[in-house]
């Protein structure tokens, strides 16, 4: 499938690019950002997928997280897609910030109104990796995934629903138990309908109870001063409890004084890059 380059910037010896393409999964034009480290000029390298949160696009992470430095150090491609389909002319898609445009929630919708376009789970785990592997110097069997907030939810469920596809997973302030929080309930009811058995297929806390994913340790950073954490939108304690019951290794780090912002992500992104590099190199 043809890619159209939108932008390109030199960064830490590599190149930060943004592309668009026509998606067969979402039936619309999609954009993704990709950082190609200097090592990718000469050889195939591992790929780390980043999933952003509510209201974000492919731009937020590449402009605010300061991750290119560490991707260059470790020799990792970083790929960051948009957070939803755009411009699909669906009634109500732009009516609220936490549902529709910018809020695809990384599910494959089953409700009639949304199911043609809102298939972000399949886009992120199938179509996008196939595009990356076909067009860039990427090792197709060396991938990991991480994300923030709604994107942290997306990373966790991708890792748990696709055993063996990803070598590792981590998240910043993830929505860990969407069935039990207002954000998740609104999104799941809208995209998936009222059947809560369907919701369980996209809830990390439910999925980990029957996980057959590899025993990679899951890393989660959560700011203690995050308003959404205080308001019980994120519920990492529920996920950690389910992990412990299922003997899935998880490290939850509660970071004193930090909130939900990219200042928080900037502070700890080096740790997450190191976390993934260890697993990706061990898998080589």
C-alpha atoms as a PDB file:
ATOM      1  CA  UNK A   1       0.000   0.000   0.000  1.00  0.00           C
ATOM      2  CA  UNK A   2       1.317   3.430  -0.949  1.00  0.00           C
ATOM      3  CA  UNK A   3       2.570   5.748   1.777  1.00  0.00           C
ATOM      4  CA  UNK A   4       2.592   9.530   1.408  1.00  0.00           C
ATOM      5  CA  UNK A   5       5.308  11.346   3.339  1.00  0.00           C
ATOM      6  CA  UNK A   6       3.980  14.414   5.129  1.00  0.00           C
ATOM      7  CA  UNK A   7       7.089  15.554   6.999  1.00  0.00           C
ATOM      8  CA  UNK A   8      10.677  14.612   7.813  1.00  0.00           C
ATOM      9  CA  UNK A   9      13.098  15.978  10.423  1.00  0.00           C
ATOM     10  CA  UNK A  10      16.653  14.947  11.297  1.00  0.00           C
ATOM     11  CA  UNK A  11      16.834  13.946  14.973  1.00  0.00           C
ATOM     12  CA  UNK A  12      19.679  12.390  16.989  1.00  0.00           C
ATOM     13  CA  UNK A  13      21.317  10.973  13.882  1.00  0.00           C
ATOM     14  CA  UNK A  14      18.080   9.409  12.694  1.00  0.00           C
ATOM     15  CA  UNK A  15      14.955  10.747  11.030  1.00  0.00           C
ATOM     16  CA  UNK A  16      11.517  11.577  12.445  1.00  0.00           C
ATOM     17  CA  UNK A  17       8.889  11.186   9.732  1.00  0.00           C
ATOM     18  CA  UNK A  18       5.106  11.313   9.420  1.00  0.00           C
ATOM     19  CA  UNK A  19       3.196   9.420   6.730  1.00  0.00           C
ATOM     20  CA  UNK A  20      -0.391   9.059   5.616  1.00  0.00           C
ATOM     21  CA  UNK A  21      -2.068   6.181   3.792  1.00  0.00           C
ATOM     22  CA  UNK A  22      -5.483   4.874   2.871  1.00  0.00           C
ATOM     23  CA  UNK A  23      -6.453   2.261   5.438  1.00  0.00           C
ATOM     24  CA  UNK A  24      -8.348  -0.874   4.481  1.00  0.00           C
ATOM     25  CA  UNK A  25      -9.180  -1.398   8.165  1.00  0.00           C
ATOM     26  CA  UNK A  26     -10.632   2.003   9.039  1.00  0.00           C
ATOM     27  CA  UNK A  27     -11.784   2.914   5.510  1.00  0.00           C
ATOM     28  CA  UNK A  28     -10.244   6.381   5.750  1.00  0.00           C
ATOM     29  CA  UNK A  29      -6.933   8.213   5.524  1.00  0.00           C
ATOM     30  CA  UNK A  30      -4.740   7.424   8.534  1.00  0.00           C
ATOM     31  CA  UNK A  31      -1.523   9.070   9.701  1.00  0.00           C
ATOM     32  CA  UNK A  32       1.347   7.631  11.691  1.00  0.00           C
ATOM     33  CA  UNK A  33       4.674   8.938  12.948  1.00  0.00           C
ATOM     34  CA  UNK A  34       7.837   6.878  12.681  1.00  0.00           C
ATOM     35  CA  UNK A  35      11.298   7.523  14.112  1.00  0.00           C
ATOM     36  CA  UNK A  36      14.031   5.731  12.196  1.00  0.00           C
ATOM     37  CA  UNK A  37      17.241   5.530  14.285  1.00  0.00           C
ATOM     38  CA  UNK A  38      20.646   5.796  12.588  1.00  0.00           C
ATOM     39  CA  UNK A  39      21.116   2.020  12.881  1.00  0.00           C
ATOM     40  CA  UNK A  40      18.152   1.463  10.549  1.00  0.00           C
ATOM     41  CA  UNK A  41      20.121   2.941   7.657  1.00  0.00           C
ATOM     42  CA  UNK A  42      22.305  -0.188   7.573  1.00  0.00           C
ATOM     43  CA  UNK A  43      20.280  -3.028   9.103  1.00  0.00           C
ATOM     44  CA  UNK A  44      16.873  -4.168  10.273  1.00  0.00           C
ATOM     45  CA  UNK A  45      16.092  -3.110  13.859  1.00  0.00           C
ATOM     46  CA  UNK A  46      13.329  -3.792  16.423  1.00  0.00           C
ATOM     47  CA  UNK A  47      10.135  -1.739  16.502  1.00  0.00           C
ATOM     48  CA  UNK A  48       8.442  -0.141  19.497  1.00  0.00           C
ATOM     49  CA  UNK A  49       4.819   0.928  19.027  1.00  0.00           C
ATOM     50  CA  UNK A  50       3.458   3.898  20.974  1.00  0.00           C
ATOM     51  CA  UNK A  51      -0.284   4.448  21.507  1.00  0.00           C
ATOM     52  CA  UNK A  52      -1.430   7.905  22.584  1.00  0.00           C
ATOM     53  CA  UNK A  53      -4.338   8.954  24.774  1.00  0.00           C
ATOM     54  CA  UNK A  54      -7.640  10.780  24.470  1.00  0.00           C
ATOM     55  CA  UNK A  55      -7.698  13.855  22.183  1.00  0.00           C
ATOM     56  CA  UNK A  56      -4.187  13.107  20.887  1.00  0.00           C
ATOM     57  CA  UNK A  57      -2.916  12.454  17.376  1.00  0.00           C
ATOM     58  CA  UNK A  58       0.313  11.059  15.935  1.00  0.00           C
ATOM     59  CA  UNK A  59       1.975  14.385  16.828  1.00  0.00           C
ATOM     60  CA  UNK A  60       1.845  14.525  20.640  1.00  0.00           C
ATOM     61  CA  UNK A  61       4.440  11.897  21.452  1.00  0.00           C
ATOM     62  CA  UNK A  62       6.978  12.934  18.840  1.00  0.00           C
ATOM     63  CA  UNK A  63       6.832  16.590  19.919  1.00  0.00           C
ATOM     64  CA  UNK A  64       6.618  16.202  23.699  1.00  0.00           C
ATOM     65  CA  UNK A  65       8.067  12.922  24.967  1.00  0.00           C
ATOM     66  CA  UNK A  66      11.747  13.465  24.013  1.00  0.00           C
ATOM     67  CA  UNK A  67      12.063   9.769  23.204  1.00  0.00           C
ATOM     68  CA  UNK A  68      14.086  10.045  19.974  1.00  0.00           C
ATOM     69  CA  UNK A  69      17.347  10.359  21.909  1.00  0.00           C
ATOM     70  CA  UNK A  70      16.769   7.004  23.597  1.00  0.00           C
ATOM     71  CA  UNK A  71      15.499   5.324  20.440  1.00  0.00           C
ATOM     72  CA  UNK A  72      18.762   6.319  18.756  1.00  0.00           C
ATOM     73  CA  UNK A  73      20.804   5.012  21.687  1.00  0.00           C
ATOM     74  CA  UNK A  74      19.070   1.635  21.683  1.00  0.00           C
ATOM     75  CA  UNK A  75      18.610   1.315  17.932  1.00  0.00           C
ATOM     76  CA  UNK A  76      14.808   1.137  18.008  1.00  0.00           C
ATOM     77  CA  UNK A  77      12.208   2.308  15.507  1.00  0.00           C
ATOM     78  CA  UNK A  78       9.272   4.028  17.230  1.00  0.00           C
ATOM     79  CA  UNK A  79       5.892   4.032  15.481  1.00  0.00           C
ATOM     80  CA  UNK A  80       2.977   6.128  16.744  1.00  0.00           C
ATOM     81  CA  UNK A  81      -0.409   6.030  15.003  1.00  0.00           C
ATOM     82  CA  UNK A  82      -3.288   8.456  15.324  1.00  0.00           C
ATOM     83  CA  UNK A  83      -5.822   7.641  18.050  1.00  0.00           C
ATOM     84  CA  UNK A  84      -8.889   7.174  15.849  1.00  0.00           C
ATOM     85  CA  UNK A  85     -10.226   7.371  12.321  1.00  0.00           C
ATOM     86  CA  UNK A  86     -10.856  10.946  11.154  1.00  0.00           C
ATOM     87  CA  UNK A  87     -13.353  12.610   8.859  1.00  0.00           C
ATOM     88  CA  UNK A  88     -15.651   9.621   8.433  1.00  0.00           C
ATOM     89  CA  UNK A  89     -18.819  11.743   8.406  1.00  0.00           C
ATOM     90  CA  UNK A  90     -20.404   9.707  11.185  1.00  0.00           C
ATOM     91  CA  UNK A  91     -23.067  11.639  13.051  1.00  0.00           C
ATOM     92  CA  UNK A  92     -21.723  12.571  16.486  1.00  0.00           C
ATOM     93  CA  UNK A  93     -18.079  11.642  15.842  1.00  0.00           C
ATOM     94  CA  UNK A  94     -16.873  15.137  16.811  1.00  0.00           C
ATOM     95  CA  UNK A  95     -19.384  15.869  19.578  1.00  0.00           C
ATOM     96  CA  UNK A  96     -17.243  14.990  22.635  1.00  0.00           C
ATOM     97  CA  UNK A  97     -13.576  14.785  23.516  1.00  0.00           C
ATOM     98  CA  UNK A  98     -13.754  11.306  25.063  1.00  0.00           C
ATOM     99  CA  UNK A  99     -15.675   9.480  22.324  1.00  0.00           C
ATOM    100  CA  UNK A 100     -15.373   9.461  18.541  1.00  0.00           C
ATOM    101  CA  UNK A 101     -12.582  11.462  16.880  1.00  0.00           C
ATOM    102  CA  UNK A 102      -9.396  11.264  18.945  1.00  0.00           C
ATOM    103  CA  UNK A 103     -10.932   8.597  21.162  1.00  0.00           C
ATOM    104  CA  UNK A 104     -11.023   5.290  19.292  1.00  0.00           C
ATOM    105  CA  UNK A 105     -10.187   3.348  22.471  1.00  0.00           C
ATOM    106  CA  UNK A 106      -8.263   0.731  20.469  1.00  0.00           C
ATOM    107  CA  UNK A 107     -11.267  -1.555  20.036  1.00  0.00           C
ATOM    108  CA  UNK A 108     -12.909  -3.043  16.950  1.00  0.00           C
ATOM    109  CA  UNK A 109     -16.426  -1.594  17.104  1.00  0.00           C
ATOM    110  CA  UNK A 110     -19.396  -3.911  16.765  1.00  0.00           C
ATOM    111  CA  UNK A 111     -22.170  -1.315  16.851  1.00  0.00           C
ATOM    112  CA  UNK A 112     -23.566  -0.642  13.362  1.00  0.00           C
ATOM    113  CA  UNK A 113     -22.861   3.088  13.370  1.00  0.00           C
ATOM    114  CA  UNK A 114     -19.163   2.677  14.167  1.00  0.00           C
ATOM    115  CA  UNK A 115     -18.099  -0.773  12.951  1.00  0.00           C
ATOM    116  CA  UNK A 116     -17.135   0.223   9.401  1.00  0.00           C
ATOM    117  CA  UNK A 117     -14.452   2.688  10.489  1.00  0.00           C
ATOM    118  CA  UNK A 118     -13.670   2.314  14.183  1.00  0.00           C
ATOM    119  CA  UNK A 119     -11.454  -0.771  14.061  1.00  0.00           C
ATOM    120  CA  UNK A 120      -8.411   0.592  15.837  1.00  0.00           C
ATOM    121  CA  UNK A 121      -7.446  -2.684  17.476  1.00  0.00           C
ATOM    122  CA  UNK A 122      -7.015  -4.414  14.125  1.00  0.00           C
ATOM    123  CA  UNK A 123      -5.383  -1.332  12.648  1.00  0.00           C
ATOM    124  CA  UNK A 124      -2.760  -1.121  15.393  1.00  0.00           C
ATOM    125  CA  UNK A 125      -2.028  -4.843  15.724  1.00  0.00           C
ATOM    126  CA  UNK A 126      -2.360  -5.971  12.094  1.00  0.00           C
ATOM    127  CA  UNK A 127      -2.485  -3.370   9.312  1.00  0.00           C
ATOM    128  CA  UNK A 128       0.036  -0.889  10.729  1.00  0.00           C
ATOM    129  CA  UNK A 129       2.740  -3.486  11.565  1.00  0.00           C
ATOM    130  CA  UNK A 130       2.347  -4.995   8.098  1.00  0.00           C
ATOM    131  CA  UNK A 131       2.895  -1.533   6.567  1.00  0.00           C
ATOM    132  CA  UNK A 132       5.931  -0.868   8.743  1.00  0.00           C
ATOM    133  CA  UNK A 133       7.489  -4.241   8.024  1.00  0.00           C
ATOM    134  CA  UNK A 134       6.949  -3.852   4.276  1.00  0.00           C
ATOM    135  CA  UNK A 135       8.277  -0.300   3.959  1.00  0.00           C
ATOM    136  CA  UNK A 136      11.024   0.143   6.554  1.00  0.00           C
ATOM    137  CA  UNK A 137      14.098  -1.648   7.900  1.00  0.00           C
ATOM    138  CA  UNK A 138      12.109  -3.353  10.679  1.00  0.00           C
ATOM    139  CA  UNK A 139      12.538  -6.764  12.273  1.00  0.00           C
ATOM    140  CA  UNK A 140       9.012  -8.209  11.993  1.00  0.00           C
ATOM    141  CA  UNK A 141       9.413 -10.622  14.900  1.00  0.00           C
ATOM    142  CA  UNK A 142      10.954  -8.067  17.277  1.00  0.00           C
ATOM    143  CA  UNK A 143       8.196  -5.705  18.414  1.00  0.00           C
ATOM    144  CA  UNK A 144       7.078  -4.212  21.697  1.00  0.00           C
ATOM    145  CA  UNK A 145       4.333  -1.787  22.659  1.00  0.00           C
ATOM    146  CA  UNK A 146       3.657   1.003  25.157  1.00  0.00           C
ATOM    147  CA  UNK A 147       1.272   3.911  25.604  1.00  0.00           C
ATOM    148  CA  UNK A 148      -0.339   6.579  27.760  1.00  0.00           C
ATOM    149  CA  UNK A 149      -3.800   6.738  29.346  1.00  0.00           C
ATOM    150  CA  UNK A 150      -6.227   5.393  26.696  1.00  0.00           C
ATOM    151  CA  UNK A 151      -3.097   4.351  24.815  1.00  0.00           C
ATOM    152  CA  UNK A 152      -1.795   2.547  27.884  1.00  0.00           C
ATOM    153  CA  UNK A 153      -5.054   0.611  27.860  1.00  0.00           C
ATOM    154  CA  UNK A 154      -4.470  -0.110  24.174  1.00  0.00           C
ATOM    155  CA  UNK A 155      -0.931  -1.329  24.776  1.00  0.00           C
ATOM    156  CA  UNK A 156      -1.959  -3.630  27.613  1.00  0.00           C
ATOM    157  CA  UNK A 157      -4.812  -5.237  25.695  1.00  0.00           C
ATOM    158  CA  UNK A 158      -2.710  -5.631  22.530  1.00  0.00           C
ATOM    159  CA  UNK A 159      -0.046  -7.462  24.543  1.00  0.00           C
ATOM    160  CA  UNK A 160      -2.582  -9.663  26.299  1.00  0.00           C
ATOM    161  CA  UNK A 161      -4.809 -10.397  23.287  1.00  0.00           C
ATOM    162  CA  UNK A 162      -1.926 -11.213  20.917  1.00  0.00           C
ATOM    163  CA  UNK A 163       0.307 -13.709  22.765  1.00  0.00           C
ATOM    164  CA  UNK A 164       3.817 -13.801  21.333  1.00  0.00           C
ATOM    165  CA  UNK A 165       3.373 -10.779  19.047  1.00  0.00           C
ATOM    166  CA  UNK A 166       5.077  -8.342  21.417  1.00  0.00           C
ATOM    167  CA  UNK A 167       8.238  -8.988  23.419  1.00  0.00           C
ATOM    168  CA  UNK A 168       7.277  -6.500  26.146  1.00  0.00           C
ATOM    169  CA  UNK A 169       4.716  -3.928  27.252  1.00  0.00           C
ATOM    170  CA  UNK A 170       4.662  -0.831  29.438  1.00  0.00           C
ATOM    171  CA  UNK A 171       2.323   2.059  30.128  1.00  0.00           C
ATOM    172  CA  UNK A 172       2.058   5.523  31.619  1.00  0.00           C
ATOM    173  CA  UNK A 173      -1.152   6.138  33.575  1.00  0.00           C
ATOM    174  CA  UNK A 174      -3.139   3.482  31.709  1.00  0.00           C
ATOM    175  CA  UNK A 175      -6.900   3.016  31.873  1.00  0.00           C
ATOM    176  CA  UNK A 176      -6.510  -0.409  33.421  1.00  0.00           C
ATOM    177  CA  UNK A 177     -10.093  -1.492  34.075  1.00  0.00           C
ATOM    178  CA  UNK A 178     -12.297   0.387  31.606  1.00  0.00           C
ATOM    179  CA  UNK A 179     -15.404  -1.642  32.448  1.00  0.00           C
ATOM    180  CA  UNK A 180     -15.333  -0.029  35.890  1.00  0.00           C
ATOM    181  CA  UNK A 181     -14.661   3.629  35.019  1.00  0.00           C
ATOM    182  CA  UNK A 182     -16.765   6.336  33.328  1.00  0.00           C
ATOM    183  CA  UNK A 183     -14.438   6.791  30.329  1.00  0.00           C
ATOM    184  CA  UNK A 184     -14.443   3.101  29.534  1.00  0.00           C
ATOM    185  CA  UNK A 185     -18.139   2.594  30.139  1.00  0.00           C
ATOM    186  CA  UNK A 186     -19.018   5.413  27.740  1.00  0.00           C
ATOM    187  CA  UNK A 187     -16.659   4.143  25.040  1.00  0.00           C
ATOM    188  CA  UNK A 188     -17.532   0.474  25.382  1.00  0.00           C
ATOM    189  CA  UNK A 189     -21.273   1.085  25.398  1.00  0.00           C
ATOM    190  CA  UNK A 190     -20.947   3.281  22.316  1.00  0.00           C
ATOM    191  CA  UNK A 191     -18.583   1.125  20.283  1.00  0.00           C
ATOM    192  CA  UNK A 192     -19.431  -2.361  21.556  1.00  0.00           C
ATOM    193  CA  UNK A 193     -23.023  -2.143  22.774  1.00  0.00           C
ATOM    194  CA  UNK A 194     -24.444  -3.165  26.157  1.00  0.00           C
ATOM    195  CA  UNK A 195     -23.152  -6.765  26.335  1.00  0.00           C
ATOM    196  CA  UNK A 196     -20.505  -6.763  29.060  1.00  0.00           C
ATOM    197  CA  UNK A 197     -19.102 -10.096  27.915  1.00  0.00           C
ATOM    198  CA  UNK A 198     -17.974  -8.220  24.816  1.00  0.00           C
ATOM    199  CA  UNK A 199     -16.472  -5.485  26.980  1.00  0.00           C
ATOM    200  CA  UNK A 200     -14.312  -8.061  28.773  1.00  0.00           C
ATOM    201  CA  UNK A 201     -12.491  -8.766  25.508  1.00  0.00           C
ATOM    202  CA  UNK A 202     -11.009  -5.252  25.672  1.00  0.00           C
ATOM    203  CA  UNK A 203     -10.427  -4.839  29.412  1.00  0.00           C
ATOM    204  CA  UNK A 204      -6.856  -5.532  30.551  1.00  0.00           C
ATOM    205  CA  UNK A 205      -7.924  -6.453  34.085  1.00  0.00           C
ATOM    206  CA  UNK A 206     -10.282  -9.105  32.698  1.00  0.00           C
ATOM    207  CA  UNK A 207      -7.877 -10.314  30.016  1.00  0.00           C
ATOM    208  CA  UNK A 208      -4.968 -10.882  32.379  1.00  0.00           C
ATOM    209  CA  UNK A 209      -7.058 -13.343  34.362  1.00  0.00           C
ATOM    210  CA  UNK A 210      -6.780 -15.808  31.471  1.00  0.00           C
ATOM    211  CA  UNK A 211      -3.579 -14.529  29.858  1.00  0.00           C
ATOM    212  CA  UNK A 212      -1.314 -16.800  27.851  1.00  0.00           C
ATOM    213  CA  UNK A 213       1.103 -14.000  26.935  1.00  0.00           C
ATOM    214  CA  UNK A 214       4.837 -14.521  27.534  1.00  0.00           C
ATOM    215  CA  UNK A 215       6.017 -13.854  31.103  1.00  0.00           C
ATOM    216  CA  UNK A 216       7.528 -10.450  30.321  1.00  0.00           C
ATOM    217  CA  UNK A 217       7.310  -8.138  33.303  1.00  0.00           C
ATOM    218  CA  UNK A 218       4.755  -5.375  32.753  1.00  0.00           C
ATOM    219  CA  UNK A 219       5.982  -1.891  33.708  1.00  0.00           C
ATOM    220  CA  UNK A 220       3.464   0.785  34.716  1.00  0.00           C
ATOM    221  CA  UNK A 221       4.243   4.308  35.902  1.00  0.00           C
ATOM    222  CA  UNK A 222       1.440   6.246  37.582  1.00  0.00           C
ATOM    223  CA  UNK A 223       1.618   9.811  38.893  1.00  0.00           C
ATOM    224  CA  UNK A 224       0.240  10.114  42.416  1.00  0.00           C
ATOM    225  CA  UNK A 225      -1.017  13.660  41.727  1.00  0.00           C
ATOM    226  CA  UNK A 226      -2.833  12.615  38.546  1.00  0.00           C
ATOM    227  CA  UNK A 227      -6.419  13.889  38.861  1.00  0.00           C
ATOM    228  CA  UNK A 228      -7.726  11.005  36.761  1.00  0.00           C
ATOM    229  CA  UNK A 229      -6.025   8.526  39.100  1.00  0.00           C
ATOM    230  CA  UNK A 230      -7.659  10.226  42.081  1.00  0.00           C
ATOM    231  CA  UNK A 231     -11.024  10.210  40.287  1.00  0.00           C
ATOM    232  CA  UNK A 232     -10.786   6.419  39.711  1.00  0.00           C
ATOM    233  CA  UNK A 233     -10.656   6.614  35.918  1.00  0.00           C
ATOM    234  CA  UNK A 234      -7.432   4.582  35.736  1.00  0.00           C
ATOM    235  CA  UNK A 235      -7.663   1.877  38.450  1.00  0.00           C
ATOM    236  CA  UNK A 236      -4.148   0.398  38.233  1.00  0.00           C
ATOM    237  CA  UNK A 237      -4.681  -1.317  41.581  1.00  0.00           C
ATOM    238  CA  UNK A 238      -7.370  -3.516  40.019  1.00  0.00           C
ATOM    239  CA  UNK A 239      -5.035  -4.600  37.248  1.00  0.00           C
ATOM    240  CA  UNK A 240      -2.140  -5.276  39.608  1.00  0.00           C
ATOM    241  CA  UNK A 241      -4.397  -7.394  41.814  1.00  0.00           C
ATOM    242  CA  UNK A 242      -5.511  -9.454  38.815  1.00  0.00           C
ATOM    243  CA  UNK A 243      -1.887  -9.855  37.690  1.00  0.00           C
ATOM    244  CA  UNK A 244      -0.840 -11.126  41.087  1.00  0.00           C
ATOM    245  CA  UNK A 245      -3.743 -13.579  41.192  1.00  0.00           C
ATOM    246  CA  UNK A 246      -2.694 -14.869  37.761  1.00  0.00           C
ATOM    247  CA  UNK A 247       1.031 -14.808  38.607  1.00  0.00           C
ATOM    248  CA  UNK A 248       1.764 -12.334  35.820  1.00  0.00           C
ATOM    249  CA  UNK A 249       4.785 -10.187  36.758  1.00  0.00           C
ATOM    250  CA  UNK A 250       3.986  -6.492  37.016  1.00  0.00           C
ATOM    251  CA  UNK A 251       5.788  -3.453  38.418  1.00  0.00           C
ATOM    252  CA  UNK A 252       3.545  -0.520  39.358  1.00  0.00           C
ATOM    253  CA  UNK A 253       5.551   2.576  40.275  1.00  0.00           C
ATOM    254  CA  UNK A 254       3.529   5.330  41.959  1.00  0.00           C
ATOM    255  CA  UNK A 255       5.450   8.535  41.298  1.00  0.00           C
ATOM    256  CA  UNK A 256       5.027  11.177  44.004  1.00  0.00           C
ATOM    257  CA  UNK A 257       4.033  14.639  42.751  1.00  0.00           C
ATOM    258  CA  UNK A 258       3.565  13.741  39.085  1.00  0.00           C
ATOM    259  CA  UNK A 259       0.354  14.230  37.126  1.00  0.00           C
ATOM    260  CA  UNK A 260      -1.088  12.969  33.799  1.00  0.00           C
ATOM    261  CA  UNK A 261       0.942  15.236  31.525  1.00  0.00           C
ATOM    262  CA  UNK A 262       3.823  14.788  29.102  1.00  0.00           C
ATOM    263  CA  UNK A 263       6.148  16.318  31.705  1.00  0.00           C
ATOM    264  CA  UNK A 264       5.542  13.074  33.592  1.00  0.00           C
ATOM    265  CA  UNK A 265       6.179  10.997  30.478  1.00  0.00           C
ATOM    266  CA  UNK A 266       9.392  12.911  29.669  1.00  0.00           C
ATOM    267  CA  UNK A 267      10.703  12.193  33.143  1.00  0.00           C
ATOM    268  CA  UNK A 268      10.404   8.423  32.927  1.00  0.00           C
ATOM    269  CA  UNK A 269      10.458   7.644  29.205  1.00  0.00           C
ATOM    270  CA  UNK A 270      14.131   6.647  29.372  1.00  0.00           C
ATOM    271  CA  UNK A 271      13.239   3.907  31.871  1.00  0.00           C
ATOM    272  CA  UNK A 272      10.547   2.587  29.536  1.00  0.00           C
ATOM    273  CA  UNK A 273      12.868   2.593  26.537  1.00  0.00           C
ATOM    274  CA  UNK A 274      15.448   0.658  28.560  1.00  0.00           C
ATOM    275  CA  UNK A 275      12.736  -1.797  29.676  1.00  0.00           C
ATOM    276  CA  UNK A 276      11.790  -2.572  26.087  1.00  0.00           C
ATOM    277  CA  UNK A 277      15.346  -2.618  24.779  1.00  0.00           C
ATOM    278  CA  UNK A 278      16.251  -5.345  27.259  1.00  0.00           C
ATOM    279  CA  UNK A 279      13.451  -7.616  26.053  1.00  0.00           C
ATOM    280  CA  UNK A 280      13.936  -6.839  22.371  1.00  0.00           C
ATOM    281  CA  UNK A 281      17.653  -7.532  22.549  1.00  0.00           C
ATOM    282  CA  UNK A 282      17.138 -10.670  24.619  1.00  0.00           C
ATOM    283  CA  UNK A 283      14.761 -11.921  21.943  1.00  0.00           C
ATOM    284  CA  UNK A 284      17.333 -11.444  19.180  1.00  0.00           C
END
